[in-house]
């Protein structure tokens, strides 16, 4: 990892053109070859960047970063105030709190938050194409298959749709309704789910754990 703090201007030349006037900025050059230009007011998002594969040509007062498509970042350096390199070592990866298995366990323990009078039939309910996360019954005894994701996207809706098609062939279960539950659901996934009669539920992980409240919030 190379960190450079410099007064510079940056010009992007490619599918369009973009210009960053002269100012103090952080230039971040990572081991994968990527180069990104940061200011002090945009959190993690760079002002401009070049993703690998690309290469950096350093000349006095000017850097040129170019990729295989011929796109270029031309960085004109007026003053370099800091230039350092650091070996970060191998990345062990992000350990996430609230992975899908945790969400499944919590929701199974508090299935009543989906509705008064609801009950859990089974976690990992088996089907010929894989297990449904939760099989429940609502207050009227109707079967409900619940698919749980951290981030709800279209492929998750398609997965639940396939489960429902199989489950509804079983006369002992049919009719089976579906719930698509996630901490975040993409707009396109919500539209597809609701078009197929699948209810969407936003999961509040902290609320399920009882950190903020004993109440489960559905949005």
C-alpha atoms as a PDB file:
ATOM      1  CA  UNK A   1       0.000   0.000   0.000  1.00  0.00           C
ATOM      2  CA  UNK A   2       1.413   3.390  -1.020  1.00  0.00           C
ATOM      3  CA  UNK A   3       0.035   6.614   0.436  1.00  0.00           C
ATOM      4  CA  UNK A   4       0.818   9.921  -1.229  1.00  0.00           C
ATOM      5  CA  UNK A   5      -0.472  13.279  -0.045  1.00  0.00           C
ATOM      6  CA  UNK A   6       0.060  15.861  -2.749  1.00  0.00           C
ATOM      7  CA  UNK A   7      -1.187  19.098  -4.202  1.00  0.00           C
ATOM      8  CA  UNK A   8      -2.334  17.976  -7.615  1.00  0.00           C
ATOM      9  CA  UNK A   9      -4.832  18.225 -10.401  1.00  0.00           C
ATOM     10  CA  UNK A  10      -6.364  15.189 -12.050  1.00  0.00           C
ATOM     11  CA  UNK A  11      -7.712  14.752 -15.571  1.00  0.00           C
ATOM     12  CA  UNK A  12      -9.578  11.668 -16.706  1.00  0.00           C
ATOM     13  CA  UNK A  13      -9.502  10.897 -20.431  1.00  0.00           C
ATOM     14  CA  UNK A  14     -11.623   8.033 -21.725  1.00  0.00           C
ATOM     15  CA  UNK A  15     -15.289   7.466 -22.471  1.00  0.00           C
ATOM     16  CA  UNK A  16     -15.770  11.009 -21.196  1.00  0.00           C
ATOM     17  CA  UNK A  17     -13.521  13.672 -19.703  1.00  0.00           C
ATOM     18  CA  UNK A  18     -13.399  14.909 -16.129  1.00  0.00           C
ATOM     19  CA  UNK A  19     -11.227  17.472 -14.415  1.00  0.00           C
ATOM     20  CA  UNK A  20     -10.271  17.944 -10.767  1.00  0.00           C
ATOM     21  CA  UNK A  21      -8.591  21.335 -10.257  1.00  0.00           C
ATOM     22  CA  UNK A  22      -5.434  21.802  -8.214  1.00  0.00           C
ATOM     23  CA  UNK A  23      -5.947  20.923  -4.520  1.00  0.00           C
ATOM     24  CA  UNK A  24      -4.492  18.849  -1.700  1.00  0.00           C
ATOM     25  CA  UNK A  25      -5.473  15.187  -2.063  1.00  0.00           C
ATOM     26  CA  UNK A  26      -4.643  11.658  -0.964  1.00  0.00           C
ATOM     27  CA  UNK A  27      -3.436   9.298  -3.703  1.00  0.00           C
ATOM     28  CA  UNK A  28      -3.877   5.655  -2.805  1.00  0.00           C
ATOM     29  CA  UNK A  29      -1.944   3.020  -4.757  1.00  0.00           C
ATOM     30  CA  UNK A  30      -2.818  -0.525  -3.720  1.00  0.00           C
ATOM     31  CA  UNK A  31      -0.935  -3.748  -4.245  1.00  0.00           C
ATOM     32  CA  UNK A  32      -3.505  -4.884  -6.821  1.00  0.00           C
ATOM     33  CA  UNK A  33      -2.452  -1.947  -9.019  1.00  0.00           C
ATOM     34  CA  UNK A  34      -5.524   0.205  -8.458  1.00  0.00           C
ATOM     35  CA  UNK A  35      -5.095   3.952  -8.046  1.00  0.00           C
ATOM     36  CA  UNK A  36      -7.678   6.174  -6.368  1.00  0.00           C
ATOM     37  CA  UNK A  37      -7.795   9.888  -5.570  1.00  0.00           C
ATOM     38  CA  UNK A  38      -9.428  10.990  -2.320  1.00  0.00           C
ATOM     39  CA  UNK A  39     -10.453  14.257  -0.718  1.00  0.00           C
ATOM     40  CA  UNK A  40     -11.106  14.872   2.962  1.00  0.00           C
ATOM     41  CA  UNK A  41     -14.896  15.101   2.784  1.00  0.00           C
ATOM     42  CA  UNK A  42     -16.335  12.055   0.960  1.00  0.00           C
ATOM     43  CA  UNK A  43     -15.971   9.250   3.502  1.00  0.00           C
ATOM     44  CA  UNK A  44     -14.650   6.182   1.654  1.00  0.00           C
ATOM     45  CA  UNK A  45     -15.686   7.172  -1.876  1.00  0.00           C
ATOM     46  CA  UNK A  46     -12.843   8.401  -4.132  1.00  0.00           C
ATOM     47  CA  UNK A  47     -13.075  11.440  -6.388  1.00  0.00           C
ATOM     48  CA  UNK A  48     -11.730   9.370  -9.241  1.00  0.00           C
ATOM     49  CA  UNK A  49     -10.010   6.033  -9.644  1.00  0.00           C
ATOM     50  CA  UNK A  50      -8.619   3.443 -12.024  1.00  0.00           C
ATOM     51  CA  UNK A  51      -9.344  -0.211 -11.376  1.00  0.00           C
ATOM     52  CA  UNK A  52      -6.892  -3.000 -12.248  1.00  0.00           C
ATOM     53  CA  UNK A  53      -5.544  -4.166 -14.575  1.00  0.00           C
ATOM     54  CA  UNK A  54      -3.805  -0.838 -15.081  1.00  0.00           C
ATOM     55  CA  UNK A  55      -0.298   0.560 -14.853  1.00  0.00           C
ATOM     56  CA  UNK A  56       1.280   3.671 -13.420  1.00  0.00           C
ATOM     57  CA  UNK A  57       3.947   5.689 -15.251  1.00  0.00           C
ATOM     58  CA  UNK A  58       5.726   8.179 -12.991  1.00  0.00           C
ATOM     59  CA  UNK A  59       7.480  11.155 -14.548  1.00  0.00           C
ATOM     60  CA  UNK A  60       8.726  14.260 -12.716  1.00  0.00           C
ATOM     61  CA  UNK A  61       5.658  16.345 -11.927  1.00  0.00           C
ATOM     62  CA  UNK A  62       3.225  13.976 -13.645  1.00  0.00           C
ATOM     63  CA  UNK A  63       1.738  10.529 -13.192  1.00  0.00           C
ATOM     64  CA  UNK A  64      -0.196   8.718 -15.898  1.00  0.00           C
ATOM     65  CA  UNK A  65      -2.400   5.785 -14.959  1.00  0.00           C
ATOM     66  CA  UNK A  66      -3.717   3.810 -17.927  1.00  0.00           C
ATOM     67  CA  UNK A  67      -5.784   0.665 -18.386  1.00  0.00           C
ATOM     68  CA  UNK A  68      -6.109  -1.804 -21.260  1.00  0.00           C
ATOM     69  CA  UNK A  69      -9.010   0.169 -22.746  1.00  0.00           C
ATOM     70  CA  UNK A  70      -6.756   3.217 -23.168  1.00  0.00           C
ATOM     71  CA  UNK A  71      -8.474   5.238 -20.438  1.00  0.00           C
ATOM     72  CA  UNK A  72      -6.105   7.499 -18.533  1.00  0.00           C
ATOM     73  CA  UNK A  73      -5.831   9.366 -15.273  1.00  0.00           C
ATOM     74  CA  UNK A  74      -3.347  12.187 -15.729  1.00  0.00           C
ATOM     75  CA  UNK A  75      -2.188  13.448 -12.332  1.00  0.00           C
ATOM     76  CA  UNK A  76      -0.220  16.701 -12.395  1.00  0.00           C
ATOM     77  CA  UNK A  77       1.797  17.094  -9.189  1.00  0.00           C
ATOM     78  CA  UNK A  78       2.606  20.574  -7.895  1.00  0.00           C
ATOM     79  CA  UNK A  79       3.916  19.453  -4.488  1.00  0.00           C
ATOM     80  CA  UNK A  80       4.318  16.090  -2.741  1.00  0.00           C
ATOM     81  CA  UNK A  81       3.919  16.440   1.023  1.00  0.00           C
ATOM     82  CA  UNK A  82       4.013  12.767   1.994  1.00  0.00           C
ATOM     83  CA  UNK A  83       4.981   9.540   0.250  1.00  0.00           C
ATOM     84  CA  UNK A  84       5.126   6.257   2.139  1.00  0.00           C
ATOM     85  CA  UNK A  85       4.756   2.526   1.526  1.00  0.00           C
ATOM     86  CA  UNK A  86       3.308  -0.001   3.944  1.00  0.00           C
ATOM     87  CA  UNK A  87       3.094  -3.791   3.845  1.00  0.00           C
ATOM     88  CA  UNK A  88      -0.345  -4.758   5.145  1.00  0.00           C
ATOM     89  CA  UNK A  89       0.067  -8.516   4.831  1.00  0.00           C
ATOM     90  CA  UNK A  90      -2.644 -11.059   3.981  1.00  0.00           C
ATOM     91  CA  UNK A  91      -6.238 -10.070   4.577  1.00  0.00           C
ATOM     92  CA  UNK A  92      -8.044 -12.504   6.929  1.00  0.00           C
ATOM     93  CA  UNK A  93     -11.449 -11.341   5.688  1.00  0.00           C
ATOM     94  CA  UNK A  94     -14.431  -9.716   7.320  1.00  0.00           C
ATOM     95  CA  UNK A  95     -16.091 -11.565  10.166  1.00  0.00           C
ATOM     96  CA  UNK A  96     -19.740 -10.592   9.977  1.00  0.00           C
ATOM     97  CA  UNK A  97     -22.154 -10.403  12.846  1.00  0.00           C
ATOM     98  CA  UNK A  98     -25.649 -11.291  11.810  1.00  0.00           C
ATOM     99  CA  UNK A  99     -24.999 -13.736   8.968  1.00  0.00           C
ATOM    100  CA  UNK A 100     -27.952 -15.543   7.451  1.00  0.00           C
ATOM    101  CA  UNK A 101     -27.702 -18.500   9.851  1.00  0.00           C
ATOM    102  CA  UNK A 102     -27.882 -16.083  12.804  1.00  0.00           C
ATOM    103  CA  UNK A 103     -30.879 -14.311  11.322  1.00  0.00           C
ATOM    104  CA  UNK A 104     -32.567 -17.651  10.709  1.00  0.00           C
ATOM    105  CA  UNK A 105     -32.010 -18.793  14.289  1.00  0.00           C
ATOM    106  CA  UNK A 106     -33.252 -15.507  15.771  1.00  0.00           C
ATOM    107  CA  UNK A 107     -36.349 -15.389  13.598  1.00  0.00           C
ATOM    108  CA  UNK A 108     -37.125 -19.013  14.427  1.00  0.00           C
ATOM    109  CA  UNK A 109     -36.965 -18.149  18.126  1.00  0.00           C
ATOM    110  CA  UNK A 110     -39.221 -15.120  17.636  1.00  0.00           C
ATOM    111  CA  UNK A 111     -41.470 -16.300  14.816  1.00  0.00           C
ATOM    112  CA  UNK A 112     -44.422 -14.532  16.455  1.00  0.00           C
ATOM    113  CA  UNK A 113     -42.902 -11.270  15.234  1.00  0.00           C
ATOM    114  CA  UNK A 114     -44.134 -12.231  11.761  1.00  0.00           C
ATOM    115  CA  UNK A 115     -47.677 -12.267  13.097  1.00  0.00           C
ATOM    116  CA  UNK A 116     -49.721 -12.991  16.195  1.00  0.00           C
ATOM    117  CA  UNK A 117     -50.513 -16.659  16.604  1.00  0.00           C
ATOM    118  CA  UNK A 118     -47.749 -17.803  14.249  1.00  0.00           C
ATOM    119  CA  UNK A 119     -45.817 -21.011  14.980  1.00  0.00           C
ATOM    120  CA  UNK A 120     -42.634 -22.604  13.689  1.00  0.00           C
ATOM    121  CA  UNK A 121     -42.931 -25.942  11.933  1.00  0.00           C
ATOM    122  CA  UNK A 122     -39.246 -26.467  11.225  1.00  0.00           C
ATOM    123  CA  UNK A 123     -35.976 -24.778  10.357  1.00  0.00           C
ATOM    124  CA  UNK A 124     -34.272 -25.973   7.145  1.00  0.00           C
ATOM    125  CA  UNK A 125     -37.479 -27.554   5.852  1.00  0.00           C
ATOM    126  CA  UNK A 126     -36.387 -30.027   3.136  1.00  0.00           C
ATOM    127  CA  UNK A 127     -37.403 -29.878  -0.514  1.00  0.00           C
ATOM    128  CA  UNK A 128     -36.063 -31.701  -3.564  1.00  0.00           C
ATOM    129  CA  UNK A 129     -34.018 -28.611  -4.546  1.00  0.00           C
ATOM    130  CA  UNK A 130     -32.758 -27.612  -1.110  1.00  0.00           C
ATOM    131  CA  UNK A 131     -34.029 -26.582   2.309  1.00  0.00           C
ATOM    132  CA  UNK A 132     -36.376 -23.683   2.973  1.00  0.00           C
ATOM    133  CA  UNK A 133     -35.001 -21.548   5.802  1.00  0.00           C
ATOM    134  CA  UNK A 134     -38.188 -21.618   7.888  1.00  0.00           C
ATOM    135  CA  UNK A 135     -41.508 -23.345   7.490  1.00  0.00           C
ATOM    136  CA  UNK A 136     -44.202 -21.713   9.617  1.00  0.00           C
ATOM    137  CA  UNK A 137     -47.957 -21.667  10.098  1.00  0.00           C
ATOM    138  CA  UNK A 138     -49.884 -18.442  10.466  1.00  0.00           C
ATOM    139  CA  UNK A 139     -52.720 -17.784  12.898  1.00  0.00           C
ATOM    140  CA  UNK A 140     -55.127 -19.619  10.564  1.00  0.00           C
ATOM    141  CA  UNK A 141     -52.868 -22.654  10.180  1.00  0.00           C
ATOM    142  CA  UNK A 142     -51.803 -21.770   6.620  1.00  0.00           C
ATOM    143  CA  UNK A 143     -48.274 -22.887   5.681  1.00  0.00           C
ATOM    144  CA  UNK A 144     -45.764 -20.098   5.083  1.00  0.00           C
ATOM    145  CA  UNK A 145     -42.256 -20.623   3.648  1.00  0.00           C
ATOM    146  CA  UNK A 146     -39.734 -17.999   4.765  1.00  0.00           C
ATOM    147  CA  UNK A 147     -36.522 -17.357   2.830  1.00  0.00           C
ATOM    148  CA  UNK A 148     -33.931 -15.282   4.753  1.00  0.00           C
ATOM    149  CA  UNK A 149     -31.108 -13.208   3.258  1.00  0.00           C
ATOM    150  CA  UNK A 150     -28.771 -10.532   4.514  1.00  0.00           C
ATOM    151  CA  UNK A 151     -29.367  -8.591   1.303  1.00  0.00           C
ATOM    152  CA  UNK A 152     -32.482  -9.411  -0.634  1.00  0.00           C
ATOM    153  CA  UNK A 153     -31.929  -9.509  -4.381  1.00  0.00           C
ATOM    154  CA  UNK A 154     -33.772 -10.913  -7.374  1.00  0.00           C
ATOM    155  CA  UNK A 155     -32.014 -14.291  -7.223  1.00  0.00           C
ATOM    156  CA  UNK A 156     -33.342 -14.780  -3.676  1.00  0.00           C
ATOM    157  CA  UNK A 157     -36.896 -14.134  -4.883  1.00  0.00           C
ATOM    158  CA  UNK A 158     -36.389 -16.635  -7.699  1.00  0.00           C
ATOM    159  CA  UNK A 159     -35.099 -19.181  -5.187  1.00  0.00           C
ATOM    160  CA  UNK A 160     -38.166 -18.779  -2.965  1.00  0.00           C
ATOM    161  CA  UNK A 161     -40.435 -18.964  -6.024  1.00  0.00           C
ATOM    162  CA  UNK A 162     -38.968 -22.374  -6.922  1.00  0.00           C
ATOM    163  CA  UNK A 163     -39.482 -23.601  -3.360  1.00  0.00           C
ATOM    164  CA  UNK A 164     -43.109 -22.449  -3.390  1.00  0.00           C
ATOM    165  CA  UNK A 165     -43.797 -24.196  -6.694  1.00  0.00           C
ATOM    166  CA  UNK A 166     -42.596 -27.489  -5.218  1.00  0.00           C
ATOM    167  CA  UNK A 167     -44.236 -27.067  -1.816  1.00  0.00           C
ATOM    168  CA  UNK A 168     -47.612 -26.264  -3.343  1.00  0.00           C
ATOM    169  CA  UNK A 169     -47.612 -29.646  -5.080  1.00  0.00           C
ATOM    170  CA  UNK A 170     -47.835 -31.309  -1.656  1.00  0.00           C
ATOM    171  CA  UNK A 171     -51.541 -31.600  -0.719  1.00  0.00           C
ATOM    172  CA  UNK A 172     -50.612 -31.825   2.966  1.00  0.00           C
ATOM    173  CA  UNK A 173     -49.001 -28.365   2.829  1.00  0.00           C
ATOM    174  CA  UNK A 174     -50.842 -26.464   0.100  1.00  0.00           C
ATOM    175  CA  UNK A 175     -51.619 -23.686  -0.094  1.00  0.00           C
ATOM    176  CA  UNK A 176     -48.162 -22.395   0.886  1.00  0.00           C
ATOM    177  CA  UNK A 177     -47.528 -18.656   0.980  1.00  0.00           C
ATOM    178  CA  UNK A 178     -44.087 -17.051   0.899  1.00  0.00           C
ATOM    179  CA  UNK A 179     -42.184 -14.441   2.895  1.00  0.00           C
ATOM    180  CA  UNK A 180     -38.934 -12.931   1.632  1.00  0.00           C
ATOM    181  CA  UNK A 181     -37.066 -11.610   4.686  1.00  0.00           C
ATOM    182  CA  UNK A 182     -33.804  -9.665   4.636  1.00  0.00           C
ATOM    183  CA  UNK A 183     -31.948  -6.850   6.347  1.00  0.00           C
ATOM    184  CA  UNK A 184     -32.121  -4.950   3.075  1.00  0.00           C
ATOM    185  CA  UNK A 185     -34.258  -5.650   0.003  1.00  0.00           C
ATOM    186  CA  UNK A 186     -33.378  -4.193  -3.378  1.00  0.00           C
ATOM    187  CA  UNK A 187     -36.251  -2.303  -5.056  1.00  0.00           C
ATOM    188  CA  UNK A 188     -36.282  -4.627  -8.081  1.00  0.00           C
ATOM    189  CA  UNK A 189     -36.461  -7.673  -5.804  1.00  0.00           C
ATOM    190  CA  UNK A 190     -39.367  -6.161  -3.868  1.00  0.00           C
ATOM    191  CA  UNK A 191     -41.294  -5.447  -7.063  1.00  0.00           C
ATOM    192  CA  UNK A 192     -40.753  -9.009  -8.319  1.00  0.00           C
ATOM    193  CA  UNK A 193     -41.702 -10.559  -4.970  1.00  0.00           C
ATOM    194  CA  UNK A 194     -44.874  -8.534  -4.561  1.00  0.00           C
ATOM    195  CA  UNK A 195     -45.867  -9.276  -8.172  1.00  0.00           C
ATOM    196  CA  UNK A 196     -45.677 -12.974  -7.282  1.00  0.00           C
ATOM    197  CA  UNK A 197     -47.701 -12.569  -4.099  1.00  0.00           C
ATOM    198  CA  UNK A 198     -44.680 -12.912  -1.826  1.00  0.00           C
ATOM    199  CA  UNK A 199     -44.636 -10.725   1.281  1.00  0.00           C
ATOM    200  CA  UNK A 200     -41.437  -8.755   1.929  1.00  0.00           C
ATOM    201  CA  UNK A 201     -40.145  -8.238   5.471  1.00  0.00           C
ATOM    202  CA  UNK A 202     -37.179  -6.112   6.563  1.00  0.00           C
ATOM    203  CA  UNK A 203     -35.298  -7.730   9.456  1.00  0.00           C
ATOM    204  CA  UNK A 204     -33.828  -5.565  12.195  1.00  0.00           C
ATOM    205  CA  UNK A 205     -31.008  -7.729  13.537  1.00  0.00           C
ATOM    206  CA  UNK A 206     -30.426  -5.646  16.676  1.00  0.00           C
ATOM    207  CA  UNK A 207     -34.129  -5.621  17.493  1.00  0.00           C
ATOM    208  CA  UNK A 208     -34.301  -9.408  17.127  1.00  0.00           C
ATOM    209  CA  UNK A 209     -31.376  -9.717  19.508  1.00  0.00           C
ATOM    210  CA  UNK A 210     -33.168  -7.436  21.932  1.00  0.00           C
ATOM    211  CA  UNK A 211     -30.446  -4.774  21.878  1.00  0.00           C
ATOM    212  CA  UNK A 212     -32.611  -1.806  20.968  1.00  0.00           C
ATOM    213  CA  UNK A 213     -36.105  -3.114  21.598  1.00  0.00           C
ATOM    214  CA  UNK A 214     -38.122  -6.253  22.140  1.00  0.00           C
ATOM    215  CA  UNK A 215     -40.351  -5.193  19.274  1.00  0.00           C
ATOM    216  CA  UNK A 216     -39.759  -6.395  15.722  1.00  0.00           C
ATOM    217  CA  UNK A 217     -40.040  -3.689  13.111  1.00  0.00           C
ATOM    218  CA  UNK A 218     -41.599  -4.449   9.721  1.00  0.00           C
ATOM    219  CA  UNK A 219     -41.265  -1.763   7.067  1.00  0.00           C
END
